[in-house]
Amino acid sequence: MPAKQYPLDVQSVGSDMYIAMSKGHHDIEEFMKAAVAEHPGLSLGGPAHVWVKTTPGNGTYDCMYNIVQQGVRGAWPATYCWEFGEDYKRYNAEVQP
């Protein structure tokens, strides 16, 4: 069975730290270009392919996104990046807020 394809749709999901993600394992360079364009000035870097499980939120959050191991029941693929992640200067060099 072929892997499910997800459209590149960058979302901000951090609270204390800026985190951007898109469902699916996307090309890292394309993802970072879209993430920085969508969220200029956030110094995003350190892109990674991860597996995420959504759990019910608490307080002001509807849900929580938890990075888990591949194969965990209910896990789905995502491409993530973090504020001041590795190589953030390179990824943000061409975009000014």
PDB file of N, CA and C in Angstrom:
ATOM      1  N   MET A   1       0.845  -1.169   0.000  1.00  0.00           N
ATOM      2  CA  MET A   1       0.000   0.000   0.000  1.00  0.00           C
ATOM      3  C   MET A   1       0.896   1.240   0.000  1.00  0.00           C
ATOM      4  N   PRO A   2       0.727   2.131  -0.965  1.00  0.00           N
ATOM      5  CA  PRO A   2       1.580   3.320  -1.026  1.00  0.00           C
ATOM      6  C   PRO A   2       1.313   4.259   0.146  1.00  0.00           C
ATOM      7  N   ALA A   3       2.361   5.010   0.523  1.00  0.00           N
ATOM      8  CA  ALA A   3       2.230   5.963   1.626  1.00  0.00           C
ATOM      9  C   ALA A   3       1.261   7.082   1.244  1.00  0.00           C
ATOM     10  N   LYS A   4       0.469   7.513   2.203  1.00  0.00           N
ATOM     11  CA  LYS A   4      -0.469   8.605   1.967  1.00  0.00           C
ATOM     12  C   LYS A   4       0.303   9.894   1.710  1.00  0.00           C
ATOM     13  N   GLN A   5      -0.132  10.659   0.734  1.00  0.00           N
ATOM     14  CA  GLN A   5       0.490  11.939   0.408  1.00  0.00           C
ATOM     15  C   GLN A   5      -0.303  13.067   1.050  1.00  0.00           C
ATOM     16  N   TYR A   6       0.390  14.008   1.661  1.00  0.00           N
ATOM     17  CA  TYR A   6      -0.241  15.166   2.286  1.00  0.00           C
ATOM     18  C   TYR A   6       0.233  16.430   1.572  1.00  0.00           C
ATOM     19  N   PRO A   7      -0.626  17.407   1.409  1.00  0.00           N
ATOM     20  CA  PRO A   7      -0.203  18.667   0.792  1.00  0.00           C
ATOM     21  C   PRO A   7       0.692  19.441   1.758  1.00  0.00           C
ATOM     22  N   LEU A   8       1.591  20.231   1.219  1.00  0.00           N
ATOM     23  CA  LEU A   8       2.433  21.096   2.046  1.00  0.00           C
ATOM     24  C   LEU A   8       1.561  22.218   2.587  1.00  0.00           C
ATOM     25  N   ASP A   9       1.329  22.204   3.894  1.00  0.00           N
ATOM     26  CA  ASP A   9       0.455  23.169   4.561  1.00  0.00           C
ATOM     27  C   ASP A   9       1.089  23.522   5.897  1.00  0.00           C
ATOM     28  N   VAL A  10       1.908  24.558   5.917  1.00  0.00           N
ATOM     29  CA  VAL A  10       2.670  24.929   7.104  1.00  0.00           C
ATOM     30  C   VAL A  10       1.763  25.567   8.151  1.00  0.00           C
ATOM     31  N   GLN A  11       1.832  25.039   9.372  1.00  0.00           N
ATOM     32  CA  GLN A  11       1.042  25.536  10.493  1.00  0.00           C
ATOM     33  C   GLN A  11       1.976  25.872  11.655  1.00  0.00           C
ATOM     34  N   SER A  12       1.648  26.906  12.403  1.00  0.00           N
ATOM     35  CA  SER A  12       2.384  27.226  13.617  1.00  0.00           C
ATOM     36  C   SER A  12       1.752  26.442  14.760  1.00  0.00           C
ATOM     37  N   VAL A  13       2.551  25.645  15.474  1.00  0.00           N
ATOM     38  CA  VAL A  13       1.994  24.797  16.529  1.00  0.00           C
ATOM     39  C   VAL A  13       2.689  24.960  17.877  1.00  0.00           C
ATOM     40  N   GLY A  14       3.602  25.895  17.989  1.00  0.00           N
ATOM     41  CA  GLY A  14       4.315  26.086  19.249  1.00  0.00           C
ATOM     42  C   GLY A  14       3.580  27.026  20.176  1.00  0.00           C
ATOM     43  N   SER A  15       3.993  27.034  21.428  1.00  0.00           N
ATOM     44  CA  SER A  15       3.443  27.995  22.379  1.00  0.00           C
ATOM     45  C   SER A  15       4.584  28.783  23.020  1.00  0.00           C
ATOM     46  N   ASP A  16       5.415  28.143  23.831  1.00  0.00           N
ATOM     47  CA  ASP A  16       6.556  28.824  24.433  1.00  0.00           C
ATOM     48  C   ASP A  16       7.675  29.043  23.413  1.00  0.00           C
ATOM     49  N   MET A  17       7.728  28.207  22.412  1.00  0.00           N
ATOM     50  CA  MET A  17       8.744  28.268  21.363  1.00  0.00           C
ATOM     51  C   MET A  17       8.026  28.204  20.027  1.00  0.00           C
ATOM     52  N   TYR A  18       8.530  28.950  19.059  1.00  0.00           N
ATOM     53  CA  TYR A  18       7.916  28.887  17.732  1.00  0.00           C
ATOM     54  C   TYR A  18       8.262  27.560  17.075  1.00  0.00           C
ATOM     55  N   ILE A  19       7.236  26.857  16.652  1.00  0.00           N
ATOM     56  CA  ILE A  19       7.383  25.586  15.954  1.00  0.00           C
ATOM     57  C   ILE A  19       6.448  25.629  14.755  1.00  0.00           C
ATOM     58  N   ALA A  20       6.961  25.210  13.614  1.00  0.00           N
ATOM     59  CA  ALA A  20       6.123  25.112  12.418  1.00  0.00           C
ATOM     60  C   ALA A  20       6.148  23.666  11.955  1.00  0.00           C
ATOM     61  N   MET A  21       5.028  23.211  11.418  1.00  0.00           N
ATOM     62  CA  MET A  21       4.952  21.829  10.939  1.00  0.00           C
ATOM     63  C   MET A  21       3.994  21.735   9.768  1.00  0.00           C
ATOM     64  N   SER A  22       4.150  20.663   9.042  1.00  0.00           N
ATOM     65  CA  SER A  22       3.209  20.303   7.991  1.00  0.00           C
ATOM     66  C   SER A  22       3.033  18.796   8.057  1.00  0.00           C
ATOM     67  N   LYS A  23       1.816  18.359   7.937  1.00  0.00           N
ATOM     68  CA  LYS A  23       1.533  16.922   7.933  1.00  0.00           C
ATOM     69  C   LYS A  23       2.179  16.305   6.705  1.00  0.00           C
ATOM     70  N   GLY A  24       2.866  15.191   6.876  1.00  0.00           N
ATOM     71  CA  GLY A  24       3.555  14.502   5.786  1.00  0.00           C
ATOM     72  C   GLY A  24       5.049  14.766   5.819  1.00  0.00           C
ATOM     73  N   HIS A  25       5.807  13.855   5.230  1.00  0.00           N
ATOM     74  CA  HIS A  25       7.250  14.033   5.118  1.00  0.00           C
ATOM     75  C   HIS A  25       7.538  14.709   3.782  1.00  0.00           C
ATOM     76  N   HIS A  26       7.814  15.999   3.839  1.00  0.00           N
ATOM     77  CA  HIS A  26       8.049  16.803   2.637  1.00  0.00           C
ATOM     78  C   HIS A  26       9.531  16.994   2.393  1.00  0.00           C
ATOM     79  N   ASP A  27       9.868  17.404   1.165  1.00  0.00           N
ATOM     80  CA  ASP A  27      11.227  17.779   0.853  1.00  0.00           C
ATOM     81  C   ASP A  27      11.629  18.886   1.836  1.00  0.00           C
ATOM     82  N   ILE A  28      12.766  18.718   2.498  1.00  0.00           N
ATOM     83  CA  ILE A  28      13.193  19.648   3.545  1.00  0.00           C
ATOM     84  C   ILE A  28      13.360  21.070   3.024  1.00  0.00           C
ATOM     85  N   GLU A  29      13.997  21.225   1.876  1.00  0.00           N
ATOM     86  CA  GLU A  29      14.232  22.573   1.344  1.00  0.00           C
ATOM     87  C   GLU A  29      12.924  23.264   0.967  1.00  0.00           C
ATOM     88  N   GLU A  30      12.013  22.537   0.345  1.00  0.00           N
ATOM     89  CA  GLU A  30      10.713  23.117  -0.017  1.00  0.00           C
ATOM     90  C   GLU A  30       9.919  23.491   1.242  1.00  0.00           C
ATOM     91  N   PHE A  31       9.961  22.616   2.232  1.00  0.00           N
ATOM     92  CA  PHE A  31       9.260  22.887   3.489  1.00  0.00           C
ATOM     93  C   PHE A  31       9.814  24.136   4.156  1.00  0.00           C
ATOM     94  N   MET A  32      11.140  24.241   4.250  1.00  0.00           N
ATOM     95  CA  MET A  32      11.738  25.401   4.920  1.00  0.00           C
ATOM     96  C   MET A  32      11.454  26.694   4.163  1.00  0.00           C
ATOM     97  N   LYS A  33      11.481  26.639   2.851  1.00  0.00           N
ATOM     98  CA  LYS A  33      11.165  27.830   2.062  1.00  0.00           C
ATOM     99  C   LYS A  33       9.740  28.295   2.388  1.00  0.00           C
ATOM    100  N   ALA A  34       8.807  27.358   2.440  1.00  0.00           N
ATOM    101  CA  ALA A  34       7.410  27.687   2.740  1.00  0.00           C
ATOM    102  C   ALA A  34       7.252  28.145   4.194  1.00  0.00           C
ATOM    103  N   ALA A  35       7.925  27.485   5.123  1.00  0.00           N
ATOM    104  CA  ALA A  35       7.798  27.834   6.542  1.00  0.00           C
ATOM    105  C   ALA A  35       8.323  29.234   6.821  1.00  0.00           C
ATOM    106  N   VAL A  36       9.478  29.560   6.251  1.00  0.00           N
ATOM    107  CA  VAL A  36      10.058  30.886   6.476  1.00  0.00           C
ATOM    108  C   VAL A  36       9.221  31.966   5.792  1.00  0.00           C
ATOM    109  N   ALA A  37       8.683  31.660   4.626  1.00  0.00           N
ATOM    110  CA  ALA A  37       7.825  32.629   3.932  1.00  0.00           C
ATOM    111  C   ALA A  37       6.529  32.859   4.713  1.00  0.00           C
ATOM    112  N   GLU A  38       5.988  31.809   5.293  1.00  0.00           N
ATOM    113  CA  GLU A  38       4.744  31.901   6.054  1.00  0.00           C
ATOM    114  C   GLU A  38       4.949  32.598   7.408  1.00  0.00           C
ATOM    115  N   HIS A  39       6.133  32.407   7.992  1.00  0.00           N
ATOM    116  CA  HIS A  39       6.428  32.935   9.326  1.00  0.00           C
ATOM    117  C   HIS A  39       7.770  33.672   9.325  1.00  0.00           C
ATOM    118  N   PRO A  40       7.885  34.767   8.566  1.00  0.00           N
ATOM    119  CA  PRO A  40       9.163  35.492   8.511  1.00  0.00           C
ATOM    120  C   PRO A  40       9.504  36.097   9.874  1.00  0.00           C
ATOM    121  N   GLY A  41      10.786  36.161  10.146  1.00  0.00           N
ATOM    122  CA  GLY A  41      11.232  36.768  11.392  1.00  0.00           C
ATOM    123  C   GLY A  41      11.233  35.847  12.597  1.00  0.00           C
ATOM    124  N   LEU A  42      10.849  34.585  12.432  1.00  0.00           N
ATOM    125  CA  LEU A  42      10.806  33.661  13.569  1.00  0.00           C
ATOM    126  C   LEU A  42      12.085  32.846  13.717  1.00  0.00           C
ATOM    127  N   SER A  43      13.054  33.030  12.831  1.00  0.00           N
ATOM    128  CA  SER A  43      14.342  32.324  12.912  1.00  0.00           C
ATOM    129  C   SER A  43      14.163  30.812  12.960  1.00  0.00           C
ATOM    130  N   LEU A  44      13.364  30.295  12.041  1.00  0.00           N
ATOM    131  CA  LEU A  44      13.084  28.854  12.009  1.00  0.00           C
ATOM    132  C   LEU A  44      14.249  28.079  11.401  1.00  0.00           C
ATOM    133  N   GLY A  45      14.527  26.916  11.948  1.00  0.00           N
ATOM    134  CA  GLY A  45      15.586  26.051  11.430  1.00  0.00           C
ATOM    135  C   GLY A  45      15.422  24.656  12.008  1.00  0.00           C
ATOM    136  N   GLY A  46      16.451  23.825  11.804  1.00  0.00           N
ATOM    137  CA  GLY A  46      16.427  22.473  12.350  1.00  0.00           C
ATOM    138  C   GLY A  46      15.329  21.587  11.813  1.00  0.00           C
ATOM    139  N   PRO A  47      15.063  21.627  10.496  1.00  0.00           N
ATOM    140  CA  PRO A  47      13.964  20.815   9.971  1.00  0.00           C
ATOM    141  C   PRO A  47      14.217  19.317  10.161  1.00  0.00           C
ATOM    142  N   ALA A  48      13.133  18.592  10.377  1.00  0.00           N
ATOM    143  CA  ALA A  48      13.249  17.151  10.592  1.00  0.00           C
ATOM    144  C   ALA A  48      11.960  16.452  10.204  1.00  0.00           C
ATOM    145  N   HIS A  49      12.123  15.218   9.754  1.00  0.00           N
ATOM    146  CA  HIS A  49      10.967  14.355   9.531  1.00  0.00           C
ATOM    147  C   HIS A  49      10.715  13.623  10.847  1.00  0.00           C
ATOM    148  N   VAL A  50       9.502  13.728  11.351  1.00  0.00           N
ATOM    149  CA  VAL A  50       9.140  13.115  12.630  1.00  0.00           C
ATOM    150  C   VAL A  50       7.806  12.389  12.489  1.00  0.00           C
ATOM    151  N   TRP A  51       7.445  11.665  13.540  1.00  0.00           N
ATOM    152  CA  TRP A  51       6.131  11.030  13.641  1.00  0.00           C
ATOM    153  C   TRP A  51       5.413  11.672  14.814  1.00  0.00           C
ATOM    154  N   VAL A  52       4.148  11.984  14.627  1.00  0.00           N
ATOM    155  CA  VAL A  52       3.386  12.756  15.603  1.00  0.00           C
ATOM    156  C   VAL A  52       2.088  12.021  15.952  1.00  0.00           C
ATOM    157  N   LYS A  53       1.727  12.108  17.204  1.00  0.00           N
ATOM    158  CA  LYS A  53       0.427  11.592  17.646  1.00  0.00           C
ATOM    159  C   LYS A  53      -0.328  12.754  18.278  1.00  0.00           C
ATOM    160  N   THR A  54      -1.543  12.957  17.831  1.00  0.00           N
ATOM    161  CA  THR A  54      -2.391  14.015  18.369  1.00  0.00           C
ATOM    162  C   THR A  54      -3.138  13.476  19.588  1.00  0.00           C
ATOM    163  N   THR A  55      -3.090  14.240  20.682  1.00  0.00           N
ATOM    164  CA  THR A  55      -3.808  13.856  21.890  1.00  0.00           C
ATOM    165  C   THR A  55      -4.688  15.033  22.323  1.00  0.00           C
ATOM    166  N   PRO A  56      -5.705  14.776  23.132  1.00  0.00           N
ATOM    167  CA  PRO A  56      -6.570  15.876  23.583  1.00  0.00           C
ATOM    168  C   PRO A  56      -5.769  16.939  24.330  1.00  0.00           C
ATOM    169  N   GLY A  57      -6.147  18.186  24.118  1.00  0.00           N
ATOM    170  CA  GLY A  57      -5.474  19.294  24.782  1.00  0.00           C
ATOM    171  C   GLY A  57      -5.949  19.472  26.208  1.00  0.00           C
ATOM    172  N   ASN A  58      -5.309  20.411  26.872  1.00  0.00           N
ATOM    173  CA  ASN A  58      -5.730  20.761  28.229  1.00  0.00           C
ATOM    174  C   ASN A  58      -5.721  22.278  28.336  1.00  0.00           C
ATOM    175  N   GLY A  59      -6.581  22.821  29.129  1.00  0.00           N
ATOM    176  CA  GLY A  59      -6.619  24.273  29.280  1.00  0.00           C
ATOM    177  C   GLY A  59      -7.052  24.965  28.000  1.00  0.00           C
ATOM    178  N   THR A  60      -6.177  25.789  27.453  1.00  0.00           N
ATOM    179  CA  THR A  60      -6.522  26.601  26.281  1.00  0.00           C
ATOM    180  C   THR A  60      -6.243  25.925  24.953  1.00  0.00           C
ATOM    181  N   TYR A  61      -5.702  24.725  24.967  1.00  0.00           N
ATOM    182  CA  TYR A  61      -5.349  24.035  23.723  1.00  0.00           C
ATOM    183  C   TYR A  61      -6.382  22.982  23.359  1.00  0.00           C
ATOM    184  N   ASP A  62      -6.756  22.961  22.071  1.00  0.00           N
ATOM    185  CA  ASP A  62      -7.697  21.945  21.595  1.00  0.00           C
ATOM    186  C   ASP A  62      -7.051  20.569  21.563  1.00  0.00           C
ATOM    187  N   CYS A  63      -5.759  20.550  21.160  1.00  0.00           N
ATOM    188  CA  CYS A  63      -5.047  19.288  21.063  1.00  0.00           C
ATOM    189  C   CYS A  63      -3.554  19.530  21.263  1.00  0.00           C
ATOM    190  N   MET A  64      -2.838  18.454  21.493  1.00  0.00           N
ATOM    191  CA  MET A  64      -1.388  18.496  21.650  1.00  0.00           C
ATOM    192  C   MET A  64      -0.783  17.608  20.570  1.00  0.00           C
ATOM    193  N   TYR A  65       0.344  18.053  20.029  1.00  0.00           N
ATOM    194  CA  TYR A  65       1.078  17.269  19.041  1.00  0.00           C
ATOM    195  C   TYR A  65       2.315  16.707  19.732  1.00  0.00           C
ATOM    196  N   ASN A  66       2.371  15.386  19.851  1.00  0.00           N
ATOM    197  CA  ASN A  66       3.460  14.716  20.549  1.00  0.00           C
ATOM    198  C   ASN A  66       4.329  13.963  19.557  1.00  0.00           C
ATOM    199  N   ILE A  67       5.632  14.221  19.578  1.00  0.00           N
ATOM    200  CA  ILE A  67       6.548  13.490  18.707  1.00  0.00           C
ATOM    201  C   ILE A  67       6.761  12.118  19.324  1.00  0.00           C
ATOM    202  N   VAL A  68       6.537  11.081  18.497  1.00  0.00           N
ATOM    203  CA  VAL A  68       6.615   9.694  18.959  1.00  0.00           C
ATOM    204  C   VAL A  68       7.431   8.874  17.952  1.00  0.00           C
ATOM    205  N   GLN A  69       7.653   7.635  18.281  1.00  0.00           N
ATOM    206  CA  GLN A  69       8.358   6.725  17.383  1.00  0.00           C
ATOM    207  C   GLN A  69       7.430   6.267  16.253  1.00  0.00           C
ATOM    208  N   GLN A  70       8.019   6.034  15.080  1.00  0.00           N
ATOM    209  CA  GLN A  70       7.240   5.475  13.980  1.00  0.00           C
ATOM    210  C   GLN A  70       6.644   4.144  14.439  1.00  0.00           C
ATOM    211  N   GLY A  71       5.402   3.904  14.072  1.00  0.00           N
ATOM    212  CA  GLY A  71       4.744   2.652  14.434  1.00  0.00           C
ATOM    213  C   GLY A  71       3.834   2.772  15.649  1.00  0.00           C
ATOM    214  N   VAL A  72       3.922   3.879  16.369  1.00  0.00           N
ATOM    215  CA  VAL A  72       3.024   4.081  17.512  1.00  0.00           C
ATOM    216  C   VAL A  72       1.598   4.212  16.961  1.00  0.00           C
ATOM    217  N   ARG A  73       0.681   3.544  17.585  1.00  0.00           N
ATOM    218  CA  ARG A  73      -0.715   3.571  17.135  1.00  0.00           C
ATOM    219  C   ARG A  73      -1.218   5.018  17.042  1.00  0.00           C
ATOM    220  N   GLY A  74      -1.768   5.373  15.893  1.00  0.00           N
ATOM    221  CA  GLY A  74      -2.315   6.705  15.682  1.00  0.00           C
ATOM    222  C   GLY A  74      -1.298   7.748  15.235  1.00  0.00           C
ATOM    223  N   ALA A  75      -0.038   7.357  15.079  1.00  0.00           N
ATOM    224  CA  ALA A  75       0.996   8.314  14.673  1.00  0.00           C
ATOM    225  C   ALA A  75       0.902   8.616  13.182  1.00  0.00           C
ATOM    226  N   TRP A  76       1.249   9.840  12.817  1.00  0.00           N
ATOM    227  CA  TRP A  76       1.237  10.266  11.424  1.00  0.00           C
ATOM    228  C   TRP A  76       2.531  11.024  11.136  1.00  0.00           C
ATOM    229  N   PRO A  77       2.974  11.020   9.867  1.00  0.00           N
ATOM    230  CA  PRO A  77       4.235  11.673   9.521  1.00  0.00           C
ATOM    231  C   PRO A  77       4.081  13.190   9.476  1.00  0.00           C
ATOM    232  N   ALA A  78       5.140  13.889   9.861  1.00  0.00           N
ATOM    233  CA  ALA A  78       5.136  15.345   9.804  1.00  0.00           C
ATOM    234  C   ALA A  78       6.544  15.848   9.536  1.00  0.00           C
ATOM    235  N   THR A  79       6.611  17.040   8.992  1.00  0.00           N
ATOM    236  CA  THR A  79       7.884  17.739   8.832  1.00  0.00           C
ATOM    237  C   THR A  79       7.820  18.917   9.786  1.00  0.00           C
ATOM    238  N   TYR A  80       8.815  19.033  10.655  1.00  0.00           N
ATOM    239  CA  TYR A  80       8.855  20.031  11.725  1.00  0.00           C
ATOM    240  C   TYR A  80      10.069  20.924  11.574  1.00  0.00           C
ATOM    241  N   CYS A  81       9.972  22.133  12.129  1.00  0.00           N
ATOM    242  CA  CYS A  81      11.148  22.978  12.342  1.00  0.00           C
ATOM    243  C   CYS A  81      10.892  23.815  13.583  1.00  0.00           C
ATOM    244  N   TRP A  82      11.979  24.287  14.192  1.00  0.00           N
ATOM    245  CA  TRP A  82      11.905  24.969  15.469  1.00  0.00           C
ATOM    246  C   TRP A  82      12.602  26.323  15.410  1.00  0.00           C
ATOM    247  N   GLU A  83      12.167  27.226  16.274  1.00  0.00           N
ATOM    248  CA  GLU A  83      12.805  28.532  16.422  1.00  0.00           C
ATOM    249  C   GLU A  83      14.276  28.328  16.824  1.00  0.00           C
ATOM    250  N   PHE A  84      15.161  28.994  16.111  1.00  0.00           N
ATOM    251  CA  PHE A  84      16.605  28.912  16.326  1.00  0.00           C
ATOM    252  C   PHE A  84      17.140  27.490  16.195  1.00  0.00           C
ATOM    253  N   GLY A  85      16.458  26.658  15.380  1.00  0.00           N
ATOM    254  CA  GLY A  85      16.947  25.316  15.112  1.00  0.00           C
ATOM    255  C   GLY A  85      18.199  25.365  14.253  1.00  0.00           C
ATOM    256  N   GLU A  86      18.827  24.230  14.116  1.00  0.00           N
ATOM    257  CA  GLU A  86      20.072  24.130  13.347  1.00  0.00           C
ATOM    258  C   GLU A  86      19.944  24.793  11.976  1.00  0.00           C
ATOM    259  N   ASP A  87      20.950  25.558  11.613  1.00  0.00           N
ATOM    260  CA  ASP A  87      21.027  26.246  10.315  1.00  0.00           C
ATOM    261  C   ASP A  87      19.967  27.327  10.135  1.00  0.00           C
ATOM    262  N   TYR A  88      19.410  27.855  11.219  1.00  0.00           N
ATOM    263  CA  TYR A  88      18.362  28.874  11.069  1.00  0.00           C
ATOM    264  C   TYR A  88      18.854  30.093  10.302  1.00  0.00           C
ATOM    265  N   LYS A  89      20.126  30.437  10.437  1.00  0.00           N
ATOM    266  CA  LYS A  89      20.656  31.610   9.715  1.00  0.00           C
ATOM    267  C   LYS A  89      20.614  31.374   8.205  1.00  0.00           C
ATOM    268  N   ARG A  90      20.961  30.179   7.776  1.00  0.00           N
ATOM    269  CA  ARG A  90      20.931  29.853   6.338  1.00  0.00           C
ATOM    270  C   ARG A  90      19.518  29.899   5.794  1.00  0.00           C
ATOM    271  N   TYR A  91      18.579  29.294   6.494  1.00  0.00           N
ATOM    272  CA  TYR A  91      17.209  29.235   6.004  1.00  0.00           C
ATOM    273  C   TYR A  91      16.526  30.606   5.984  1.00  0.00           C
ATOM    274  N   ASN A  92      16.945  31.507   6.854  1.00  0.00           N
ATOM    275  CA  ASN A  92      16.310  32.806   6.976  1.00  0.00           C
ATOM    276  C   ASN A  92      17.079  33.938   6.302  1.00  0.00           C
ATOM    277  N   ALA A  93      18.173  33.636   5.649  1.00  0.00           N
ATOM    278  CA  ALA A  93      19.066  34.644   5.093  1.00  0.00           C
ATOM    279  C   ALA A  93      18.389  35.533   4.055  1.00  0.00           C
ATOM    280  N   GLU A  94      17.492  34.995   3.243  1.00  0.00           N
ATOM    281  CA  GLU A  94      16.885  35.749   2.157  1.00  0.00           C
ATOM    282  C   GLU A  94      15.578  36.411   2.532  1.00  0.00           C
ATOM    283  N   VAL A  95      15.048  36.098   3.696  1.00  0.00           N
ATOM    284  CA  VAL A  95      13.743  36.637   4.092  1.00  0.00           C
ATOM    285  C   VAL A  95      13.933  37.595   5.260  1.00  0.00           C
ATOM    286  N   GLN A  96      13.456  38.801   5.101  1.00  0.00           N
ATOM    287  CA  GLN A  96      13.504  39.791   6.168  1.00  0.00           C
ATOM    288  C   GLN A  96      12.073  40.092   6.605  1.00  0.00           C
ATOM    289  N   PRO A  97      11.830  40.198   7.926  1.00  0.00           N
ATOM    290  CA  PRO A  97      10.467  40.487   8.394  1.00  0.00           C
ATOM    291  C   PRO A  97       9.994  41.865   7.985  1.00  0.00           C
TER     292      PRO A  97
END
